[in-house]
Structures are given as structure tokens and as C-alpha cells.
Amino acid sequence: MSVKPIREHTGKSLLAKHLPDVSGGKHSMGCPGVLITPAVLDPTSGQTWDTILQENPWLKTSKLVAKPDQLIKRRGKAGLIAINKTFDEAKTWVMERMCKEQKKAS
């Protein structure tokens, strides 16, 4: 069996899509998520914070968790997880860290 790293967001999306089918409808995942890419930094890319909010209005009414979707172990110890944030707080947290080098705990 080969091992290939995948994004956490992709793995959760695959589970949400296929879990009801393979479990005969017994199980489902109610874990919405949004992948924010560096494209939000480019106003011509089509992905802006406003379009993300229009496509996912629940972001304004729910408490959010923000974290880098990379193969980093011990993200919590390194301060790379934000919990119980509003949309604006999560947006600020992401923008402060996006495309910047992060030190990871060893």
C-alpha cells in the first residue's frame, strides 16, 4: 500500500461524501469546512473573503476553528490552532500567518 499525504480538508471532504454510502446510511459527518488558500491575497483570483462568506453564510453565525492545513505535527503546542473565533477574528488570525514561515515544535 502506498502512502500519500493529503490535506486534512480533503480527507474530511472525502469522509463526508462517502461515509453515508459505505455505512448504509448509518453514519454521516456534519463537519463543514472551508479551505482558505493564498489566492485570497490576490484580488484577481476570484477567491476573496467576501466570496467565501457569500458561499458559506454559516461562517458569520458559528464559532470557528482555524489551523494550517499542512503536515505539521503538534500544531497546538506551536500555537497554530485558533479555537472559538468569530469570522473576523479567524480571518485576522489566518492573514497574520498565511504565507509566512512558521517555527514548529520539535
C-alpha atoms as a PDB file:
ATOM      1  CA  MET A   1       0.000   0.000   0.000  1.00  0.00           C
ATOM      2  CA  SER A   2       1.400   3.389  -0.911  1.00  0.00           C
ATOM      3  CA  VAL A   3       1.184   6.319   1.431  1.00  0.00           C
ATOM      4  CA  LYS A   4       0.427   9.734   0.039  1.00  0.00           C
ATOM      5  CA  PRO A   5      -0.124  12.771   2.222  1.00  0.00           C
ATOM      6  CA  ILE A   6      -3.450  14.556   1.711  1.00  0.00           C
ATOM      7  CA  ARG A   7      -4.822  17.758   3.129  1.00  0.00           C
ATOM      8  CA  GLU A   8      -6.942  17.447   6.248  1.00  0.00           C
ATOM      9  CA  HIS A   9      -9.716  19.349   4.443  1.00  0.00           C
ATOM     10  CA  THR A  10      -9.627  16.873   1.535  1.00  0.00           C
ATOM     11  CA  GLY A  11      -9.748  13.884   3.883  1.00  0.00           C
ATOM     12  CA  LYS A  12     -12.750  15.282   5.756  1.00  0.00           C
ATOM     13  CA  SER A  13     -14.495  16.080   2.473  1.00  0.00           C
ATOM     14  CA  LEU A  14     -13.953  12.509   1.259  1.00  0.00           C
ATOM     15  CA  LEU A  15     -15.315  11.098   4.517  1.00  0.00           C
ATOM     16  CA  ALA A  16     -18.360  13.368   4.445  1.00  0.00           C
ATOM     17  CA  LYS A  17     -19.084  12.379   0.847  1.00  0.00           C
ATOM     18  CA  HIS A  18     -18.603   8.604   1.080  1.00  0.00           C
ATOM     19  CA  LEU A  19     -19.305   7.669   4.718  1.00  0.00           C
ATOM     20  CA  PRO A  20     -23.109   7.523   4.337  1.00  0.00           C
ATOM     21  CA  ASP A  21     -22.784   5.237   1.290  1.00  0.00           C
ATOM     22  CA  VAL A  22     -20.294   2.779   2.758  1.00  0.00           C
ATOM     23  CA  SER A  23     -22.132   2.632   6.102  1.00  0.00           C
ATOM     24  CA  GLY A  24     -25.528   2.029   4.546  1.00  0.00           C
ATOM     25  CA  GLY A  25     -26.745   5.400   5.784  1.00  0.00           C
ATOM     26  CA  LYS A  26     -25.951   4.660   9.451  1.00  0.00           C
ATOM     27  CA  HIS A  27     -23.244   7.311   9.735  1.00  0.00           C
ATOM     28  CA  SER A  28     -22.697  10.797   8.416  1.00  0.00           C
ATOM     29  CA  MET A  29     -20.365  13.695   9.105  1.00  0.00           C
ATOM     30  CA  GLY A  30     -21.707  17.118   9.946  1.00  0.00           C
ATOM     31  CA  CYS A  31     -18.394  18.911   9.901  1.00  0.00           C
ATOM     32  CA  PRO A  32     -18.450  21.819   7.452  1.00  0.00           C
ATOM     33  CA  GLY A  33     -15.163  23.350   6.481  1.00  0.00           C
ATOM     34  CA  VAL A  34     -13.661  25.894   4.134  1.00  0.00           C
ATOM     35  CA  LEU A  35     -10.183  25.745   2.657  1.00  0.00           C
ATOM     36  CA  ILE A  36      -8.655  29.211   2.510  1.00  0.00           C
ATOM     37  CA  THR A  37      -5.796  29.331   0.012  1.00  0.00           C
ATOM     38  CA  PRO A  38      -3.236  32.069  -0.657  1.00  0.00           C
ATOM     39  CA  ALA A  39      -5.471  33.060  -3.586  1.00  0.00           C
ATOM     40  CA  VAL A  40      -7.317  35.359  -1.136  1.00  0.00           C
ATOM     41  CA  LEU A  41      -4.220  37.562  -1.238  1.00  0.00           C
ATOM     42  CA  ASP A  42      -4.690  38.119  -4.994  1.00  0.00           C
ATOM     43  CA  PRO A  43      -7.788  40.235  -5.732  1.00  0.00           C
ATOM     44  CA  THR A  44      -7.876  38.982  -9.344  1.00  0.00           C
ATOM     45  CA  SER A  45      -8.059  35.297  -8.354  1.00  0.00           C
ATOM     46  CA  GLY A  46     -11.802  35.198  -7.761  1.00  0.00           C
ATOM     47  CA  GLN A  47     -11.393  33.910  -4.195  1.00  0.00           C
ATOM     48  CA  THR A  48     -11.871  36.777  -1.758  1.00  0.00           C
ATOM     49  CA  TRP A  49     -13.038  36.859   1.821  1.00  0.00           C
ATOM     50  CA  ASP A  50     -16.338  38.292   0.579  1.00  0.00           C
ATOM     51  CA  THR A  51     -16.945  35.453  -1.905  1.00  0.00           C
ATOM     52  CA  ILE A  52     -16.029  32.879   0.747  1.00  0.00           C
ATOM     53  CA  LEU A  53     -18.583  34.459   3.073  1.00  0.00           C
ATOM     54  CA  GLN A  54     -21.265  34.568   0.355  1.00  0.00           C
ATOM     55  CA  GLU A  55     -20.751  30.861  -0.415  1.00  0.00           C
ATOM     56  CA  ASN A  56     -20.665  29.901   3.292  1.00  0.00           C
ATOM     57  CA  PRO A  57     -23.008  32.202   5.253  1.00  0.00           C
ATOM     58  CA  TRP A  58     -22.759  29.924   8.310  1.00  0.00           C
ATOM     59  CA  LEU A  59     -19.269  31.356   8.876  1.00  0.00           C
ATOM     60  CA  LYS A  60     -20.834  34.520  10.350  1.00  0.00           C
ATOM     61  CA  THR A  61     -23.073  32.658  12.805  1.00  0.00           C
ATOM     62  CA  SER A  62     -20.782  29.884  14.076  1.00  0.00           C
ATOM     63  CA  LYS A  63     -17.720  29.808  16.278  1.00  0.00           C
ATOM     64  CA  LEU A  64     -14.773  28.736  14.143  1.00  0.00           C
ATOM     65  CA  VAL A  65     -11.520  26.811  14.352  1.00  0.00           C
ATOM     66  CA  ALA A  66      -8.617  27.930  12.174  1.00  0.00           C
ATOM     67  CA  LYS A  67      -5.437  25.957  11.558  1.00  0.00           C
ATOM     68  CA  PRO A  68      -2.900  25.430   8.793  1.00  0.00           C
ATOM     69  CA  ASP A  69      -3.804  22.509   6.554  1.00  0.00           C
ATOM     70  CA  GLN A  70      -0.280  21.162   6.310  1.00  0.00           C
ATOM     71  CA  LEU A  71       1.566  18.130   7.556  1.00  0.00           C
ATOM     72  CA  ILE A  72       2.682  19.751  10.796  1.00  0.00           C
ATOM     73  CA  LYS A  73       2.728  17.713  13.974  1.00  0.00           C
ATOM     74  CA  ARG A  74       1.827  19.310  17.287  1.00  0.00           C
ATOM     75  CA  ARG A  75       0.133  22.353  15.774  1.00  0.00           C
ATOM     76  CA  GLY A  76      -1.498  23.127  19.109  1.00  0.00           C
ATOM     77  CA  LYS A  77       1.786  23.274  21.012  1.00  0.00           C
ATOM     78  CA  ALA A  78       3.203  25.578  18.334  1.00  0.00           C
ATOM     79  CA  GLY A  79       0.250  27.981  18.657  1.00  0.00           C
ATOM     80  CA  LEU A  80      -1.029  27.130  15.179  1.00  0.00           C
ATOM     81  CA  ILE A  81      -4.661  26.470  16.128  1.00  0.00           C
ATOM     82  CA  ALA A  82      -7.247  29.161  16.839  1.00  0.00           C
ATOM     83  CA  ILE A  83     -10.426  27.968  18.594  1.00  0.00           C
ATOM     84  CA  ASN A  84     -13.837  29.598  19.214  1.00  0.00           C
ATOM     85  CA  LYS A  85     -13.198  32.555  16.931  1.00  0.00           C
ATOM     86  CA  THR A  86     -15.687  34.732  15.122  1.00  0.00           C
ATOM     87  CA  PHE A  87     -15.301  35.054  11.357  1.00  0.00           C
ATOM     88  CA  ASP A  88     -13.454  38.370  11.665  1.00  0.00           C
ATOM     89  CA  GLU A  89     -11.145  37.027  14.391  1.00  0.00           C
ATOM     90  CA  ALA A  90     -10.391  33.895  12.347  1.00  0.00           C
ATOM     91  CA  LYS A  91      -9.769  35.992   9.229  1.00  0.00           C
ATOM     92  CA  THR A  92      -7.286  38.190  11.115  1.00  0.00           C
ATOM     93  CA  TRP A  93      -5.585  35.116  12.613  1.00  0.00           C
ATOM     94  CA  VAL A  94      -5.233  33.485   9.179  1.00  0.00           C
ATOM     95  CA  MET A  95      -3.947  36.637   7.492  1.00  0.00           C
ATOM     96  CA  GLU A  96      -1.293  37.120  10.189  1.00  0.00           C
ATOM     97  CA  ARG A  97       0.113  33.648   9.459  1.00  0.00           C
ATOM     98  CA  MET A  98      -0.610  32.962   5.787  1.00  0.00           C
ATOM     99  CA  CYS A  99       2.453  32.609   3.532  1.00  0.00           C
ATOM    100  CA  LYS A 100       4.787  33.232   6.448  1.00  0.00           C
ATOM    101  CA  GLU A 101       7.380  30.831   7.747  1.00  0.00           C
ATOM    102  CA  GLN A 102       6.323  29.174  10.990  1.00  0.00           C
ATOM    103  CA  LYS A 103       8.554  27.566  13.593  1.00  0.00           C
ATOM    104  CA  LYS A 104       7.314  24.162  14.633  1.00  0.00           C
ATOM    105  CA  ALA A 105       7.843  22.455  17.957  1.00  0.00           C
ATOM    106  CA  SER A 106      10.242  19.541  17.848  1.00  0.00           C
END
